[in-house]
Amino acid sequence: MDERMWRIGDLARETGVTVRALHHYDRLGLLPPSSRTSGGHRCYAEADVRRLHRIVALRDFGFPLE
């Protein structure tokens, strides 16, 4: 069975995290995409979604992300 993949816009809508924030997390090396489409769009796997939830929780607790 294939693992579900989210494109960045879908991930943003489902998690409430902005596309801009997701790009920022990628630039920081915190949330690199699992893959990219042939057009270069970022794609995220289930493990990335779990990592994103941890990043958001740490940010909400006041931990610096940089």
N, C-alpha and C. Protein backbone atom coordinates (compact mmCIF):
# COMPACT_ATOMS: atom_id res chain seq x y z
N MET A 1 0.84 -1.18 0.00
CA MET A 1 0.00 0.00 0.00
C MET A 1 0.88 1.24 0.00
N ASP A 2 0.55 2.20 -0.83
CA ASP A 2 1.33 3.42 -0.93
C ASP A 2 1.06 4.33 0.26
N GLU A 3 2.13 4.99 0.70
CA GLU A 3 2.01 5.95 1.79
C GLU A 3 1.39 7.24 1.25
N ARG A 4 0.56 7.86 2.06
CA ARG A 4 -0.05 9.12 1.67
C ARG A 4 1.02 10.21 1.64
N MET A 5 0.95 11.06 0.63
CA MET A 5 1.85 12.20 0.50
C MET A 5 1.00 13.47 0.40
N TRP A 6 1.48 14.52 1.03
CA TRP A 6 0.81 15.81 0.99
C TRP A 6 1.67 16.79 0.22
N ARG A 7 1.06 17.55 -0.68
CA ARG A 7 1.75 18.69 -1.27
C ARG A 7 1.67 19.81 -0.25
N ILE A 8 2.54 20.79 -0.38
CA ILE A 8 2.70 21.79 0.67
C ILE A 8 1.40 22.56 0.95
N GLY A 9 0.63 22.88 -0.07
CA GLY A 9 -0.63 23.60 0.15
C GLY A 9 -1.64 22.76 0.91
N ASP A 10 -1.70 21.48 0.59
CA ASP A 10 -2.61 20.57 1.29
C ASP A 10 -2.20 20.42 2.75
N LEU A 11 -0.88 20.30 2.98
CA LEU A 11 -0.38 20.18 4.35
C LEU A 11 -0.69 21.44 5.14
N ALA A 12 -0.53 22.59 4.52
CA ALA A 12 -0.83 23.86 5.19
C ALA A 12 -2.31 23.92 5.58
N ARG A 13 -3.19 23.57 4.65
CA ARG A 13 -4.63 23.61 4.94
C ARG A 13 -5.01 22.64 6.06
N GLU A 14 -4.46 21.45 6.04
CA GLU A 14 -4.84 20.43 7.02
C GLU A 14 -4.27 20.67 8.40
N THR A 15 -3.14 21.38 8.49
CA THR A 15 -2.50 21.58 9.79
C THR A 15 -2.66 22.98 10.34
N GLY A 16 -3.07 23.93 9.50
CA GLY A 16 -3.18 25.32 9.95
C GLY A 16 -1.84 26.05 9.99
N VAL A 17 -0.79 25.43 9.49
CA VAL A 17 0.53 26.06 9.40
C VAL A 17 0.64 26.67 8.00
N THR A 18 1.08 27.91 7.92
CA THR A 18 1.12 28.58 6.63
C THR A 18 2.19 27.97 5.72
N VAL A 19 1.97 28.13 4.42
CA VAL A 19 2.96 27.69 3.44
C VAL A 19 4.28 28.41 3.70
N ARG A 20 4.19 29.69 4.03
CA ARG A 20 5.41 30.46 4.32
C ARG A 20 6.18 29.85 5.49
N ALA A 21 5.48 29.44 6.54
CA ALA A 21 6.14 28.81 7.69
C ALA A 21 6.76 27.48 7.28
N LEU A 22 6.07 26.71 6.46
CA LEU A 22 6.61 25.42 6.00
C LEU A 22 7.88 25.64 5.19
N HIS A 23 7.90 26.66 4.33
CA HIS A 23 9.11 26.99 3.58
C HIS A 23 10.23 27.38 4.54
N HIS A 24 9.89 28.15 5.58
CA HIS A 24 10.88 28.57 6.58
C HIS A 24 11.47 27.35 7.29
N TYR A 25 10.63 26.42 7.70
CA TYR A 25 11.11 25.21 8.38
C TYR A 25 12.02 24.40 7.45
N ASP A 26 11.70 24.39 6.17
CA ASP A 26 12.55 23.71 5.19
C ASP A 26 13.92 24.41 5.11
N ARG A 27 13.92 25.73 5.01
CA ARG A 27 15.18 26.48 4.92
C ARG A 27 16.05 26.26 6.16
N LEU A 28 15.41 26.13 7.33
CA LEU A 28 16.16 25.89 8.56
C LEU A 28 16.66 24.45 8.67
N GLY A 29 16.17 23.58 7.80
CA GLY A 29 16.55 22.18 7.86
C GLY A 29 15.72 21.38 8.84
N LEU A 30 14.65 21.99 9.37
CA LEU A 30 13.80 21.31 10.34
C LEU A 30 12.78 20.38 9.68
N LEU A 31 12.33 20.74 8.50
CA LEU A 31 11.28 19.96 7.84
C LEU A 31 11.52 19.91 6.33
N PRO A 32 12.58 19.24 5.91
CA PRO A 32 12.78 19.10 4.47
C PRO A 32 11.71 18.15 3.91
N PRO A 33 11.26 18.39 2.69
CA PRO A 33 10.25 17.49 2.12
C PRO A 33 10.83 16.11 1.86
N SER A 34 9.98 15.10 1.95
CA SER A 34 10.41 13.73 1.66
C SER A 34 10.74 13.55 0.19
N SER A 35 10.03 14.29 -0.65
CA SER A 35 10.28 14.20 -2.08
C SER A 35 9.76 15.46 -2.75
N ARG A 36 10.00 15.53 -4.03
CA ARG A 36 9.49 16.63 -4.84
C ARG A 36 8.87 16.04 -6.10
N THR A 37 7.86 16.74 -6.60
CA THR A 37 7.25 16.31 -7.86
C THR A 37 8.20 16.64 -9.00
N SER A 38 7.88 16.18 -10.19
CA SER A 38 8.71 16.50 -11.35
C SER A 38 8.75 18.00 -11.61
N GLY A 39 7.73 18.72 -11.13
CA GLY A 39 7.69 20.17 -11.26
C GLY A 39 8.37 20.90 -10.12
N GLY A 40 8.92 20.15 -9.17
CA GLY A 40 9.65 20.77 -8.06
C GLY A 40 8.82 21.07 -6.82
N HIS A 41 7.55 20.69 -6.82
CA HIS A 41 6.70 20.94 -5.65
C HIS A 41 7.08 20.01 -4.50
N ARG A 42 7.10 20.56 -3.30
CA ARG A 42 7.45 19.79 -2.11
C ARG A 42 6.33 18.80 -1.77
N CYS A 43 6.73 17.58 -1.39
CA CYS A 43 5.77 16.55 -0.96
C CYS A 43 6.22 16.02 0.39
N TYR A 44 5.25 15.86 1.28
CA TYR A 44 5.53 15.45 2.65
C TYR A 44 4.82 14.14 2.96
N ALA A 45 5.52 13.26 3.68
CA ALA A 45 5.00 11.96 4.08
C ALA A 45 4.45 12.04 5.51
N GLU A 46 3.84 10.95 5.94
CA GLU A 46 3.26 10.88 7.29
C GLU A 46 4.29 11.21 8.37
N ALA A 47 5.51 10.73 8.22
CA ALA A 47 6.57 11.02 9.21
C ALA A 47 6.86 12.52 9.27
N ASP A 48 6.76 13.20 8.13
CA ASP A 48 6.98 14.65 8.11
C ASP A 48 5.86 15.38 8.85
N VAL A 49 4.65 14.88 8.72
CA VAL A 49 3.51 15.49 9.42
C VAL A 49 3.70 15.35 10.92
N ARG A 50 4.14 14.18 11.37
CA ARG A 50 4.41 14.00 12.81
C ARG A 50 5.52 14.94 13.27
N ARG A 51 6.56 15.08 12.46
CA ARG A 51 7.65 16.00 12.80
C ARG A 51 7.13 17.43 12.87
N LEU A 52 6.27 17.81 11.94
CA LEU A 52 5.70 19.16 11.95
C LEU A 52 4.94 19.41 13.24
N HIS A 53 4.17 18.44 13.70
CA HIS A 53 3.43 18.60 14.95
C HIS A 53 4.38 18.81 16.12
N ARG A 54 5.52 18.12 16.12
CA ARG A 54 6.52 18.32 17.19
C ARG A 54 7.14 19.71 17.10
N ILE A 55 7.44 20.17 15.89
CA ILE A 55 8.01 21.51 15.69
C ILE A 55 7.05 22.57 16.22
N VAL A 56 5.78 22.44 15.87
CA VAL A 56 4.78 23.42 16.32
C VAL A 56 4.65 23.39 17.84
N ALA A 57 4.66 22.21 18.43
CA ALA A 57 4.56 22.10 19.90
C ALA A 57 5.75 22.77 20.56
N LEU A 58 6.95 22.52 20.06
CA LEU A 58 8.15 23.14 20.64
C LEU A 58 8.10 24.65 20.49
N ARG A 59 7.69 25.11 19.33
CA ARG A 59 7.56 26.56 19.10
C ARG A 59 6.55 27.16 20.07
N ASP A 60 5.42 26.49 20.26
CA ASP A 60 4.39 26.99 21.17
C ASP A 60 4.86 27.02 22.62
N PHE A 61 5.79 26.14 22.97
CA PHE A 61 6.37 26.14 24.32
C PHE A 61 7.47 27.17 24.48
N GLY A 62 7.79 27.87 23.38
CA GLY A 62 8.76 28.95 23.45
C GLY A 62 10.18 28.57 23.08
N PHE A 63 10.39 27.36 22.58
CA PHE A 63 11.73 26.96 22.17
C PHE A 63 12.10 27.68 20.87
N PRO A 64 13.32 28.20 20.78
CA PRO A 64 13.76 28.83 19.52
C PRO A 64 13.97 27.76 18.45
N LEU A 65 13.61 28.08 17.23
CA LEU A 65 13.72 27.10 16.16
C LEU A 65 15.02 27.24 15.38
N GLU A 66 15.73 28.30 15.60
CA GLU A 66 16.99 28.49 14.85
C GLU A 66 18.18 28.11 15.67
